[in-house]
PDB file of N, CA and C in Angstrom:
ATOM      1  N   MET A   1       0.767  -1.264   0.091  1.00  0.00           N
ATOM      2  CA  MET A   1      -0.081  -0.013   0.045  1.00  0.00           C
ATOM      3  C   MET A   1       0.892   1.263  -0.069  1.00  0.00           C
ATOM      4  N   TYR A   2       1.965   1.183   0.763  1.00  0.00           N
ATOM      5  CA  TYR A   2       2.929   2.455   0.867  1.00  0.00           C
ATOM      6  C   TYR A   2       3.427   2.676  -0.472  1.00  0.00           C
ATOM      7  N   SER A   3       3.776   1.680  -1.344  1.00  0.00           N
ATOM      8  CA  SER A   3       4.349   1.944  -2.660  1.00  0.00           C
ATOM      9  C   SER A   3       3.391   2.556  -3.606  1.00  0.00           C
ATOM     10  N   TYR A   4       2.038   2.020  -3.428  1.00  0.00           N
ATOM     11  CA  TYR A   4       1.010   2.676  -4.206  1.00  0.00           C
ATOM     12  C   TYR A   4       0.812   4.138  -3.881  1.00  0.00           C
ATOM     13  N   GLU A   5       0.676   4.464  -2.609  1.00  0.00           N
ATOM     14  CA  GLU A   5       0.623   5.808  -2.159  1.00  0.00           C
ATOM     15  C   GLU A   5       1.732   6.786  -2.657  1.00  0.00           C
ATOM     16  N   GLN A   6       3.028   6.119  -2.590  1.00  0.00           N
ATOM     17  CA  GLN A   6       4.099   6.989  -3.029  1.00  0.00           C
ATOM     18  C   GLN A   6       4.060   7.206  -4.552  1.00  0.00           C
ATOM     19  N   ALA A   7       3.664   6.215  -5.275  1.00  0.00           N
ATOM     20  CA  ALA A   7       3.562   6.355  -6.814  1.00  0.00           C
ATOM     21  C   ALA A   7       2.484   7.327  -7.116  1.00  0.00           C
ATOM     22  N   ARG A   8       1.371   7.229  -6.395  1.00  0.00           N
ATOM     23  CA  ARG A   8       0.258   8.188  -6.619  1.00  0.00           C
ATOM     24  C   ARG A   8       0.690   9.769  -6.308  1.00  0.00           C
ATOM     25  N   GLU A   9       1.439   9.833  -5.212  1.00  0.00           N
ATOM     26  CA  GLU A   9       1.916  11.265  -4.873  1.00  0.00           C
ATOM     27  C   GLU A   9       2.856  11.704  -5.962  1.00  0.00           C
ATOM     28  N   LEU A  10       3.845  10.758  -6.364  1.00  0.00           N
ATOM     29  CA  LEU A  10       4.717  11.286  -7.381  1.00  0.00           C
ATOM     30  C   LEU A  10       4.039  11.635  -8.624  1.00  0.00           C
ATOM     31  N   SER A  11       3.002  10.920  -9.122  1.00  0.00           N
ATOM     32  CA  SER A  11       2.310  11.215 -10.328  1.00  0.00           C
ATOM     33  C   SER A  11       1.543  12.530 -10.212  1.00  0.00           C
ATOM     34  N   ILE A  12       1.008  12.832  -8.997  1.00  0.00           N
ATOM     35  CA  ILE A  12       0.310  14.093  -8.742  1.00  0.00           C
ATOM     36  C   ILE A  12       1.390  15.227  -8.784  1.00  0.00           C
ATOM     37  N   THR A  13       2.532  15.041  -8.133  1.00  0.00           N
ATOM     38  CA  THR A  13       3.526  15.952  -8.212  1.00  0.00           C
ATOM     39  C   THR A  13       4.107  16.309  -9.612  1.00  0.00           C
ATOM     40  N   LEU A  14       4.247  15.270 -10.312  1.00  0.00           N
ATOM     41  CA  LEU A  14       4.724  15.456 -11.721  1.00  0.00           C
ATOM     42  C   LEU A  14       3.732  16.106 -12.622  1.00  0.00           C
ATOM     43  N   LEU A  15       2.461  15.750 -12.474  1.00  0.00           N
ATOM     44  CA  LEU A  15       1.398  16.337 -13.306  1.00  0.00           C
ATOM     45  C   LEU A  15       1.102  17.739 -12.934  1.00  0.00           C
ATOM     46  N   LYS A  16       1.220  18.122 -11.573  1.00  0.00           N
ATOM     47  CA  LYS A  16       1.010  19.483 -11.162  1.00  0.00           C
ATOM     48  C   LYS A  16       2.083  20.333 -11.728  1.00  0.00           C
ATOM     49  N   ASP A  17       3.413  19.855 -11.763  1.00  0.00           N
ATOM     50  CA  ASP A  17       4.435  20.631 -12.306  1.00  0.00           C
ATOM     51  C   ASP A  17       4.270  20.801 -13.879  1.00  0.00           C
ATOM     52  N   TRP A  18       3.909  19.704 -14.591  1.00  0.00           N
ATOM     53  CA  TRP A  18       3.760  19.804 -15.958  1.00  0.00           C
ATOM     54  C   TRP A  18       2.640  20.759 -16.510  1.00  0.00           C
ATOM     55  N   LEU A  19       1.554  20.642 -15.780  1.00  0.00           N
ATOM     56  CA  LEU A  19       0.394  21.403 -16.075  1.00  0.00           C
ATOM     57  C   LEU A  19       0.676  22.881 -15.818  1.00  0.00           C
ATOM     58  N   ALA A  20       1.233  23.262 -14.706  1.00  0.00           N
ATOM     59  CA  ALA A  20       1.460  24.626 -14.369  1.00  0.00           C
ATOM     60  C   ALA A  20       2.568  25.174 -15.358  1.00  0.00           C
ATOM     61  N   ARG A  21       3.583  24.398 -15.732  1.00  0.00           N
ATOM     62  CA  ARG A  21       4.625  24.837 -16.484  1.00  0.00           C
ATOM     63  C   ARG A  21       4.363  24.914 -17.953  1.00  0.00           C
ATOM     64  N   TYR A  22       3.566  24.024 -18.404  1.00  0.00           N
ATOM     65  CA  TYR A  22       3.343  23.883 -19.882  1.00  0.00           C
ATOM     66  C   TYR A  22       1.888  24.175 -20.323  1.00  0.00           C
ATOM     67  N   LYS A  23       0.943  23.455 -19.775  1.00  0.00           N
ATOM     68  CA  LYS A  23      -0.431  23.544 -20.127  1.00  0.00           C
ATOM     69  C   LYS A  23      -0.973  24.923 -19.880  1.00  0.00           C
ATOM     70  N   PHE A  24      -0.719  25.404 -18.666  1.00  0.00           N
ATOM     71  CA  PHE A  24      -1.155  26.714 -18.214  1.00  0.00           C
ATOM     72  C   PHE A  24      -0.361  27.965 -18.513  1.00  0.00           C
ATOM     73  N   LYS A  25       0.765  27.696 -19.103  1.00  0.00           N
ATOM     74  CA  LYS A  25       1.883  28.738 -19.210  1.00  0.00           C
ATOM     75  C   LYS A  25       1.233  30.110 -19.940  1.00  0.00           C
ATOM     76  N   ASP A  26       0.308  29.986 -20.866  1.00  0.00           N
ATOM     77  CA  ASP A  26      -0.236  31.013 -21.550  1.00  0.00           C
ATOM     78  C   ASP A  26      -1.529  31.547 -20.900  1.00  0.00           C
ATOM     79  N   TRP A  27      -1.889  31.034 -19.834  1.00  0.00           N
ATOM     80  CA  TRP A  27      -3.134  31.413 -19.165  1.00  0.00           C
ATOM     81  C   TRP A  27      -2.927  32.738 -18.426  1.00  0.00           C
ATOM     82  N   VAL A  28      -3.351  33.850 -18.971  1.00  0.00           N
ATOM     83  CA  VAL A  28      -2.933  35.125 -18.297  1.00  0.00           C
ATOM     84  C   VAL A  28      -4.155  35.882 -17.742  1.00  0.00           C
ATOM     85  N   THR A  29      -5.285  35.570 -18.140  1.00  0.00           N
ATOM     86  CA  THR A  29      -6.559  36.067 -17.567  1.00  0.00           C
ATOM     87  C   THR A  29      -7.531  35.078 -17.362  1.00  0.00           C
ATOM     88  N   THR A  30      -8.439  35.276 -16.369  1.00  0.00           N
ATOM     89  CA  THR A  30      -9.533  34.288 -16.068  1.00  0.00           C
ATOM     90  C   THR A  30     -10.583  34.512 -17.102  1.00  0.00           C
ATOM     91  N   GLN A  31     -11.277  33.314 -17.459  1.00  0.00           N
ATOM     92  CA  GLN A  31     -12.262  33.404 -18.454  1.00  0.00           C
ATOM     93  C   GLN A  31     -13.528  34.161 -18.072  1.00  0.00           C
ATOM     94  N   SER A  32     -13.957  34.007 -16.829  1.00  0.00           N
ATOM     95  CA  SER A  32     -15.173  34.629 -16.469  1.00  0.00           C
ATOM     96  C   SER A  32     -15.095  36.046 -16.135  1.00  0.00           C
ATOM     97  N   ARG A  33     -14.035  36.409 -15.345  1.00  0.00           N
ATOM     98  CA  ARG A  33     -13.872  37.784 -14.846  1.00  0.00           C
ATOM     99  C   ARG A  33     -12.816  38.625 -15.505  1.00  0.00           C
ATOM    100  N   GLY A  34     -12.005  37.931 -16.303  1.00  0.00           N
ATOM    101  CA  GLY A  34     -10.836  38.615 -17.023  1.00  0.00           C
ATOM    102  C   GLY A  34      -9.787  39.200 -16.023  1.00  0.00           C
ATOM    103  N   ALA A  35      -9.760  38.521 -14.934  1.00  0.00           N
ATOM    104  CA  ALA A  35      -8.710  39.024 -13.826  1.00  0.00           C
ATOM    105  C   ALA A  35      -7.368  38.321 -14.242  1.00  0.00           C
ATOM    106  N   PRO A  36      -6.342  39.081 -13.874  1.00  0.00           N
ATOM    107  CA  PRO A  36      -5.057  38.544 -14.135  1.00  0.00           C
ATOM    108  C   PRO A  36      -4.793  37.206 -13.361  1.00  0.00           C
ATOM    109  N   VAL A  37      -4.067  36.253 -14.075  1.00  0.00           N
ATOM    110  CA  VAL A  37      -3.709  34.936 -13.449  1.00  0.00           C
ATOM    111  C   VAL A  37      -2.379  34.925 -13.003  1.00  0.00           C
ATOM    112  N   THR A  38      -2.180  34.598 -11.682  1.00  0.00           N
ATOM    113  CA  THR A  38      -0.925  34.446 -11.044  1.00  0.00           C
ATOM    114  C   THR A  38      -0.315  33.053 -11.081  1.00  0.00           C
ATOM    115  N   GLN A  39       0.946  32.994 -10.852  1.00  0.00           N
ATOM    116  CA  GLN A  39       1.510  31.638 -10.764  1.00  0.00           C
ATOM    117  C   GLN A  39       0.934  30.711  -9.773  1.00  0.00           C
ATOM    118  N   GLN A  40       0.509  31.445  -8.656  1.00  0.00           N
ATOM    119  CA  GLN A  40      -0.188  30.620  -7.644  1.00  0.00           C
ATOM    120  C   GLN A  40      -1.509  30.079  -8.156  1.00  0.00           C
ATOM    121  N   MET A  41      -2.127  30.820  -8.836  1.00  0.00           N
ATOM    122  CA  MET A  41      -3.438  30.371  -9.451  1.00  0.00           C
ATOM    123  C   MET A  41      -3.262  29.201 -10.374  1.00  0.00           C
ATOM    124  N   ARG A  42      -2.149  29.272 -11.219  1.00  0.00           N
ATOM    125  CA  ARG A  42      -1.806  28.220 -12.244  1.00  0.00           C
ATOM    126  C   ARG A  42      -1.555  26.897 -11.263  1.00  0.00           C
ATOM    127  N   GLU A  43      -0.786  27.033 -10.357  1.00  0.00           N
ATOM    128  CA  GLU A  43      -0.375  25.885  -9.516  1.00  0.00           C
ATOM    129  C   GLU A  43      -1.573  25.327  -8.749  1.00  0.00           C
ATOM    130  N   ALA A  44      -2.478  26.168  -8.225  1.00  0.00           N
ATOM    131  CA  ALA A  44      -3.676  25.620  -7.616  1.00  0.00           C
ATOM    132  C   ALA A  44      -4.628  24.894  -8.568  1.00  0.00           C
ATOM    133  N   ARG A  45      -4.658  25.499  -9.734  1.00  0.00           N
ATOM    134  CA  ARG A  45      -5.597  24.831 -10.751  1.00  0.00           C
ATOM    135  C   ARG A  45      -4.892  23.521 -11.226  1.00  0.00           C
ATOM    136  N   ALA A  46      -3.707  23.463 -11.364  1.00  0.00           N
ATOM    137  CA  ALA A  46      -2.830  22.314 -11.735  1.00  0.00           C
ATOM    138  C   ALA A  46      -3.114  21.211 -10.642  1.00  0.00           C
ATOM    139  N   ALA A  47      -2.924  21.558  -9.324  1.00  0.00           N
ATOM    140  CA  ALA A  47      -3.160  20.700  -8.234  1.00  0.00           C
ATOM    141  C   ALA A  47      -4.570  20.093  -8.233  1.00  0.00           C
ATOM    142  N   GLU A  48      -5.632  20.893  -8.574  1.00  0.00           N
ATOM    143  CA  GLU A  48      -6.956  20.485  -8.665  1.00  0.00           C
ATOM    144  C   GLU A  48      -7.141  19.477  -9.733  1.00  0.00           C
ATOM    145  N   VAL A  49      -6.643  19.663 -10.889  1.00  0.00           N
ATOM    146  CA  VAL A  49      -6.730  18.745 -11.997  1.00  0.00           C
ATOM    147  C   VAL A  49      -5.953  17.459 -11.763  1.00  0.00           C
ATOM    148  N   ALA A  50      -4.739  17.598 -11.206  1.00  0.00           N
ATOM    149  CA  ALA A  50      -3.998  16.375 -10.840  1.00  0.00           C
ATOM    150  C   ALA A  50      -4.662  15.514  -9.789  1.00  0.00           C
ATOM    151  N   ARG A  51      -5.239  16.082  -8.800  1.00  0.00           N
ATOM    152  CA  ARG A  51      -5.966  15.229  -7.792  1.00  0.00           C
ATOM    153  C   ARG A  51      -7.204  14.631  -8.531  1.00  0.00           C
ATOM    154  N   ALA A  52      -7.905  15.367  -9.274  1.00  0.00           N
ATOM    155  CA  ALA A  52      -9.059  14.803 -10.052  1.00  0.00           C
ATOM    156  C   ALA A  52      -8.750  13.619 -10.947  1.00  0.00           C
ATOM    157  N   LEU A  53      -7.608  13.691 -11.545  1.00  0.00           N
ATOM    158  CA  LEU A  53      -7.168  12.594 -12.439  1.00  0.00           C
ATOM    159  C   LEU A  53      -6.575  11.481 -11.697  1.00  0.00           C
ATOM    160  N   ASN A  54      -6.206  11.624 -10.495  1.00  0.00           N
ATOM    161  CA  ASN A  54      -5.752  10.562  -9.563  1.00  0.00           C
ATOM    162  C   ASN A  54      -6.838   9.994  -8.673  1.00  0.00           C
ATOM    163  N   ASP A  55      -8.030  10.359  -8.945  1.00  0.00           N
ATOM    164  CA  ASP A  55      -9.157   9.894  -8.092  1.00  0.00           C
ATOM    165  C   ASP A  55      -9.572   8.528  -8.536  1.00  0.00           C
ATOM    166  N   THR A  56      -9.067   7.524  -7.788  1.00  0.00           N
ATOM    167  CA  THR A  56      -9.318   6.047  -8.150  1.00  0.00           C
ATOM    168  C   THR A  56     -10.870   5.626  -7.887  1.00  0.00           C
ATOM    169  N   ASP A  57     -11.558   6.435  -7.062  1.00  0.00           N
ATOM    170  CA  ASP A  57     -12.935   6.211  -6.944  1.00  0.00           C
ATOM    171  C   ASP A  57     -13.795   6.578  -8.222  1.00  0.00           C
ATOM    172  N   ARG A  58     -13.180   7.384  -8.879  1.00  0.00           N
ATOM    173  CA  ARG A  58     -13.802   7.967 -10.126  1.00  0.00           C
ATOM    174  C   ARG A  58     -13.354   7.204 -11.362  1.00  0.00           C
ATOM    175  N   TRP A  59     -12.163   6.945 -11.571  1.00  0.00           N
ATOM    176  CA  TRP A  59     -11.740   6.274 -12.768  1.00  0.00           C
ATOM    177  C   TRP A  59     -11.453   4.815 -12.638  1.00  0.00           C
ATOM    178  N   HIS A  60     -11.252   4.258 -11.506  1.00  0.00           N
ATOM    179  CA  HIS A  60     -11.208   2.882 -11.225  1.00  0.00           C
ATOM    180  C   HIS A  60      -9.960   2.126 -11.785  1.00  0.00           C
ATOM    181  N   THR A  61      -9.269   2.737 -12.713  1.00  0.00           N
ATOM    182  CA  THR A  61      -8.120   2.109 -13.287  1.00  0.00           C
ATOM    183  C   THR A  61      -7.226   3.243 -13.925  1.00  0.00           C
ATOM    184  N   HIS A  62      -5.913   2.802 -14.225  1.00  0.00           N
ATOM    185  CA  HIS A  62      -5.067   3.692 -14.766  1.00  0.00           C
ATOM    186  C   HIS A  62      -4.776   3.433 -16.283  1.00  0.00           C
ATOM    187  N   GLY A  63      -5.448   2.292 -16.642  1.00  0.00           N
ATOM    188  CA  GLY A  63      -5.129   1.787 -17.943  1.00  0.00           C
ATOM    189  C   GLY A  63      -6.052   2.107 -19.094  1.00  0.00           C
ATOM    190  N   HIS A  64      -6.940   3.137 -18.872  1.00  0.00           N
ATOM    191  CA  HIS A  64      -7.762   3.546 -20.121  1.00  0.00           C
ATOM    192  C   HIS A  64      -7.782   5.035 -20.241  1.00  0.00           C
ATOM    193  N   GLY A  65      -8.003   5.481 -21.507  1.00  0.00           N
ATOM    194  CA  GLY A  65      -7.904   6.900 -21.785  1.00  0.00           C
ATOM    195  C   GLY A  65      -9.113   7.636 -21.233  1.00  0.00           C
ATOM    196  N   ILE A  66      -9.034   8.971 -21.248  1.00  0.00           N
ATOM    197  CA  ILE A  66     -10.133   9.876 -20.750  1.00  0.00           C
ATOM    198  C   ILE A  66     -10.328  10.645 -21.988  1.00  0.00           C
ATOM    199  N   THR A  67     -11.624  10.671 -22.321  1.00  0.00           N
ATOM    200  CA  THR A  67     -12.056  11.408 -23.539  1.00  0.00           C
ATOM    201  C   THR A  67     -11.908  12.867 -23.516  1.00  0.00           C
ATOM    202  N   MET A  68     -11.816  13.518 -24.624  1.00  0.00           N
ATOM    203  CA  MET A  68     -11.672  14.997 -24.693  1.00  0.00           C
ATOM    204  C   MET A  68     -12.965  15.612 -24.084  1.00  0.00           C
ATOM    205  N   HIS A  69     -14.087  15.009 -24.330  1.00  0.00           N
ATOM    206  CA  HIS A  69     -15.322  15.510 -23.691  1.00  0.00           C
ATOM    207  C   HIS A  69     -15.296  15.460 -22.226  1.00  0.00           C
ATOM    208  N   VAL A  70     -14.808  14.479 -21.678  1.00  0.00           N
ATOM    209  CA  VAL A  70     -14.634  14.506 -20.199  1.00  0.00           C
ATOM    210  C   VAL A  70     -13.740  15.638 -19.635  1.00  0.00           C
ATOM    211  N   LEU A  71     -12.512  15.671 -20.331  1.00  0.00           N
ATOM    212  CA  LEU A  71     -11.551  16.663 -19.985  1.00  0.00           C
ATOM    213  C   LEU A  71     -12.114  18.165 -20.137  1.00  0.00           C
ATOM    214  N   GLN A  72     -12.893  18.358 -21.149  1.00  0.00           N
ATOM    215  CA  GLN A  72     -13.466  19.734 -21.412  1.00  0.00           C
ATOM    216  C   GLN A  72     -14.570  19.969 -20.419  1.00  0.00           C
ATOM    217  N   ASN A  73     -15.577  19.032 -20.384  1.00  0.00           N
ATOM    218  CA  ASN A  73     -16.795  19.311 -19.662  1.00  0.00           C
ATOM    219  C   ASN A  73     -16.782  19.087 -18.193  1.00  0.00           C
ATOM    220  N   GLU A  74     -15.972  18.056 -17.728  1.00  0.00           N
ATOM    221  CA  GLU A  74     -16.060  17.744 -16.334  1.00  0.00           C
ATOM    222  C   GLU A  74     -14.850  18.289 -15.672  1.00  0.00           C
ATOM    223  N   LEU A  75     -13.702  18.311 -16.279  1.00  0.00           N
ATOM    224  CA  LEU A  75     -12.488  18.851 -15.609  1.00  0.00           C
ATOM    225  C   LEU A  75     -12.291  20.287 -16.092  1.00  0.00           C
ATOM    226  N   LYS A  76     -13.139  20.761 -16.922  1.00  0.00           N
ATOM    227  CA  LYS A  76     -13.049  22.185 -17.317  1.00  0.00           C
ATOM    228  C   LYS A  76     -11.618  22.612 -17.912  1.00  0.00           C
ATOM    229  N   LEU A  77     -11.039  21.691 -18.736  1.00  0.00           N
ATOM    230  CA  LEU A  77      -9.854  22.041 -19.339  1.00  0.00           C
ATOM    231  C   LEU A  77     -10.031  22.474 -20.811  1.00  0.00           C
ATOM    232  N   ARG A  78      -9.248  23.302 -21.216  1.00  0.00           N
ATOM    233  CA  ARG A  78      -9.326  23.791 -22.635  1.00  0.00           C
ATOM    234  C   ARG A  78      -8.450  22.949 -23.514  1.00  0.00           C
ATOM    235  N   ILE A  79      -9.113  22.198 -24.347  1.00  0.00           N
ATOM    236  CA  ILE A  79      -8.407  21.173 -25.236  1.00  0.00           C
ATOM    237  C   ILE A  79      -8.608  21.540 -26.627  1.00  0.00           C
ATOM    238  N   ASP A  80      -7.545  21.644 -27.451  1.00  0.00           N
ATOM    239  CA  ASP A  80      -7.563  21.857 -28.901  1.00  0.00           C
ATOM    240  C   ASP A  80      -7.958  20.497 -29.478  1.00  0.00           C
ATOM    241  N   ASP A  81      -8.905  20.543 -30.358  1.00  0.00           N
ATOM    242  CA  ASP A  81      -9.450  19.310 -31.104  1.00  0.00           C
ATOM    243  C   ASP A  81      -8.592  19.167 -32.336  1.00  0.00           C
ATOM    244  N   PHE A  82      -7.490  18.445 -32.472  1.00  0.00           N
ATOM    245  CA  PHE A  82      -6.746  18.216 -33.610  1.00  0.00           C
ATOM    246  C   PHE A  82      -7.480  17.509 -34.763  1.00  0.00           C
ATOM    247  N   GLY A  83      -8.573  16.876 -34.319  1.00  0.00           N
ATOM    248  CA  GLY A  83      -9.346  16.128 -35.317  1.00  0.00           C
ATOM    249  C   GLY A  83     -10.160  17.008 -36.104  1.00  0.00           C
ATOM    250  N   SER A  84     -10.334  18.331 -35.733  1.00  0.00           N
ATOM    251  CA  SER A  84     -11.078  19.211 -36.737  1.00  0.00           C
ATOM    252  C   SER A  84     -10.130  19.850 -37.797  1.00  0.00           C
ATOM    253  N   ASP A  85      -8.851  19.606 -37.682  1.00  0.00           N
ATOM    254  CA  ASP A  85      -7.952  20.044 -38.699  1.00  0.00           C
ATOM    255  C   ASP A  85      -7.423  18.850 -39.433  1.00  0.00           C
ATOM    256  N   SER A  86      -7.833  18.550 -40.647  1.00  0.00           N
ATOM    257  CA  SER A  86      -7.469  17.270 -41.328  1.00  0.00           C
ATOM    258  C   SER A  86      -5.909  17.072 -41.534  1.00  0.00           C
ATOM    259  N   LEU A  87      -5.203  18.164 -41.899  1.00  0.00           N
ATOM    260  CA  LEU A  87      -3.732  18.011 -42.013  1.00  0.00           C
ATOM    261  C   LEU A  87      -3.112  17.681 -40.605  1.00  0.00           C
ATOM    262  N   LEU A  88      -3.485  18.444 -39.571  1.00  0.00           N
ATOM    263  CA  LEU A  88      -2.817  18.146 -38.307  1.00  0.00           C
ATOM    264  C   LEU A  88      -3.177  16.822 -37.860  1.00  0.00           C
ATOM    265  N   CYS A  89      -4.503  16.372 -37.971  1.00  0.00           N
ATOM    266  CA  CYS A  89      -4.907  15.108 -37.593  1.00  0.00           C
ATOM    267  C   CYS A  89      -4.148  13.963 -38.305  1.00  0.00           C
ATOM    268  N   ALA A  90      -3.965  14.029 -39.591  1.00  0.00           N
ATOM    269  CA  ALA A  90      -3.158  13.053 -40.278  1.00  0.00           C
ATOM    270  C   ALA A  90      -1.717  12.985 -39.742  1.00  0.00           C
ATOM    271  N   ALA A  91      -1.144  14.239 -39.563  1.00  0.00           N
ATOM    272  CA  ALA A  91       0.232  14.203 -38.958  1.00  0.00           C
ATOM    273  C   ALA A  91       0.290  13.523 -37.517  1.00  0.00           C
ATOM    274  N   VAL A  92      -0.569  13.865 -36.711  1.00  0.00           N
ATOM    275  CA  VAL A  92      -0.608  13.233 -35.331  1.00  0.00           C
ATOM    276  C   VAL A  92      -0.821  11.789 -35.523  1.00  0.00           C
ATOM    277  N   ARG A  93      -1.769  11.217 -36.371  1.00  0.00           N
ATOM    278  CA  ARG A  93      -1.978   9.804 -36.450  1.00  0.00           C
ATOM    279  C   ARG A  93      -0.728   9.187 -36.996  1.00  0.00           C
ATOM    280  N   ALA A  94      -0.070   9.750 -37.978  1.00  0.00           N
ATOM    281  CA  ALA A  94       1.111   9.181 -38.569  1.00  0.00           C
ATOM    282  C   ALA A  94       2.167   9.178 -37.516  1.00  0.00           C
ATOM    283  N   TYR A  95       2.315  10.160 -36.732  1.00  0.00           N
ATOM    284  CA  TYR A  95       3.372  10.110 -35.696  1.00  0.00           C
ATOM    285  C   TYR A  95       3.097   9.034 -34.661  1.00  0.00           C
ATOM    286  N   HIS A  96       1.831   8.828 -34.329  1.00  0.00           N
ATOM    287  CA  HIS A  96       1.393   7.832 -33.380  1.00  0.00           C
ATOM    288  C   HIS A  96       1.750   6.516 -33.952  1.00  0.00           C
ATOM    289  N   ARG A  97       1.381   6.195 -35.235  1.00  0.00           N
ATOM    290  CA  ARG A  97       1.754   4.990 -35.866  1.00  0.00           C
ATOM    291  C   ARG A  97       3.300   4.689 -35.768  1.00  0.00           C
ATOM    292  N   LEU A  98       4.074   5.753 -36.048  1.00  0.00           N
ATOM    293  CA  LEU A  98       5.497   5.613 -36.013  1.00  0.00           C
ATOM    294  C   LEU A  98       5.976   5.163 -34.688  1.00  0.00           C
ATOM    295  N   MET A  99       5.439   5.820 -33.711  1.00  0.00           N
ATOM    296  CA  MET A  99       5.764   5.542 -32.245  1.00  0.00           C
ATOM    297  C   MET A  99       5.440   4.111 -31.861  1.00  0.00           C
ATOM    298  N   MET A 100       4.266   3.635 -32.255  1.00  0.00           N
ATOM    299  CA  MET A 100       3.863   2.280 -31.918  1.00  0.00           C
ATOM    300  C   MET A 100       4.649   1.387 -32.654  1.00  0.00           C
ATOM    301  N   ASP A 101       5.013   1.586 -33.975  1.00  0.00           N
ATOM    302  CA  ASP A 101       5.968   0.720 -34.695  1.00  0.00           C
ATOM    303  C   ASP A 101       7.282   0.625 -33.970  1.00  0.00           C
ATOM    304  N   PHE A 102       7.856   1.780 -33.617  1.00  0.00           N
ATOM    305  CA  PHE A 102       9.179   1.778 -32.992  1.00  0.00           C
ATOM    306  C   PHE A 102       9.138   1.049 -31.575  1.00  0.00           C
ATOM    307  N   MET A 103       8.093   1.162 -30.899  1.00  0.00           N
ATOM    308  CA  MET A 103       7.972   0.454 -29.569  1.00  0.00           C
ATOM    309  C   MET A 103       7.809  -0.985 -29.755  1.00  0.00           C
ATOM    310  N   HIS A 104       7.086  -1.431 -30.792  1.00  0.00           N
ATOM    311  CA  HIS A 104       6.925  -2.860 -31.125  1.00  0.00           C
ATOM    312  C   HIS A 104       8.278  -3.463 -31.591  1.00  0.00           C
ATOM    313  N   VAL A 105       8.955  -2.727 -32.453  1.00  0.00           N
ATOM    314  CA  VAL A 105      10.323  -3.294 -32.958  1.00  0.00           C
ATOM    315  C   VAL A 105      11.331  -3.358 -31.879  1.00  0.00           C
ATOM    316  N   THR A 106      11.278  -2.442 -31.003  1.00  0.00           N
ATOM    317  CA  THR A 106      12.350  -2.297 -29.860  1.00  0.00           C
ATOM    318  C   THR A 106      11.974  -3.042 -28.674  1.00  0.00           C
ATOM    319  N   GLY A 107      10.694  -3.487 -28.577  1.00  0.00           N
ATOM    320  CA  GLY A 107      10.265  -4.261 -27.399  1.00  0.00           C
ATOM    321  C   GLY A 107      10.059  -3.288 -26.159  1.00  0.00           C
ATOM    322  N   LYS A 108       9.769  -1.935 -26.431  1.00  0.00           N
ATOM    323  CA  LYS A 108       9.479  -1.028 -25.284  1.00  0.00           C
ATOM    324  C   LYS A 108       8.023  -0.988 -25.055  1.00  0.00           C
ATOM    325  N   TYR A 109       7.698  -0.776 -23.813  1.00  0.00           N
ATOM    326  CA  TYR A 109       6.242  -0.558 -23.498  1.00  0.00           C
ATOM    327  C   TYR A 109       5.958   0.923 -23.354  1.00  0.00           C
ATOM    328  N   SER A 110       6.936   1.823 -23.305  1.00  0.00           N
ATOM    329  CA  SER A 110       6.653   3.347 -23.242  1.00  0.00           C
ATOM    330  C   SER A 110       7.736   3.937 -23.992  1.00  0.00           C
ATOM    331  N   LEU A 111       7.427   5.220 -24.298  1.00  0.00           N
ATOM    332  CA  LEU A 111       8.278   6.051 -25.030  1.00  0.00           C
ATOM    333  C   LEU A 111       8.093   7.574 -24.704  1.00  0.00           C
ATOM    334  N   ALA A 112       9.177   8.289 -24.488  1.00  0.00           N
ATOM    335  CA  ALA A 112       8.952   9.727 -24.330  1.00  0.00           C
ATOM    336  C   ALA A 112       9.940  10.337 -25.394  1.00  0.00           C
ATOM    337  N   HIS A 113       9.464  11.302 -26.128  1.00  0.00           N
ATOM    338  CA  HIS A 113       9.992  12.060 -27.130  1.00  0.00           C
ATOM    339  C   HIS A 113       9.995  13.535 -26.969  1.00  0.00           C
ATOM    340  N   ARG A 114      11.197  14.132 -26.930  1.00  0.00           N
ATOM    341  CA  ARG A 114      11.122  15.548 -26.714  1.00  0.00           C
ATOM    342  C   ARG A 114      12.075  16.262 -27.745  1.00  0.00           C
ATOM    343  N   SER A 115      11.471  17.015 -28.567  1.00  0.00           N
ATOM    344  CA  SER A 115      12.225  17.966 -29.404  1.00  0.00           C
ATOM    345  C   SER A 115      13.419  17.327 -29.913  1.00  0.00           C
ATOM    346  N   GLY A 116      13.253  16.428 -30.764  1.00  0.00           N
ATOM    347  CA  GLY A 116      14.515  15.699 -31.371  1.00  0.00           C
ATOM    348  C   GLY A 116      15.339  14.838 -30.474  1.00  0.00           C
ATOM    349  N   MET A 117      14.757  14.341 -29.415  1.00  0.00           N
ATOM    350  CA  MET A 117      15.448  13.594 -28.463  1.00  0.00           C
ATOM    351  C   MET A 117      14.668  12.451 -28.031  1.00  0.00           C
ATOM    352  N   TYR A 118      15.206  11.196 -28.260  1.00  0.00           N
ATOM    353  CA  TYR A 118      14.570   9.986 -27.859  1.00  0.00           C
ATOM    354  C   TYR A 118      14.939   9.639 -26.476  1.00  0.00           C
ATOM    355  N   LEU A 119      13.896   9.360 -25.528  1.00  0.00           N
ATOM    356  CA  LEU A 119      14.139   9.025 -24.152  1.00  0.00           C
ATOM    357  C   LEU A 119      13.555   7.674 -23.911  1.00  0.00           C
ATOM    358  N   GLY A 120      13.930   6.618 -24.439  1.00  0.00           N
ATOM    359  CA  GLY A 120      13.311   5.417 -24.282  1.00  0.00           C
ATOM    360  C   GLY A 120      13.798   4.448 -23.247  1.00  0.00           C
TER     361      GLY A 120
END
């Protein structure tokens, strides 16, 4: 149980950092009031989302995806729908196929790719 709790807390910490640093980096005003957004507000919102995504009573498993609809409507995240742009959609799907093929050939179960850098 202790290992599970530590893994959960690590995932929450990593997700909070990623959301505040990357997903919310361009969030400068609140949507409803137009008030300035502070770094503390970004971090608080990131913590809220991270805790919601780690709610095992809600999701029951870590092994399935969460739909864009759920992210937008229930977690109130702004998500760009790449499916509405046919060229972007084709590029994302081609990249996904390439990653899946690479993982199959190398026997890897996960892959991280960052700006021209393979972290397998």
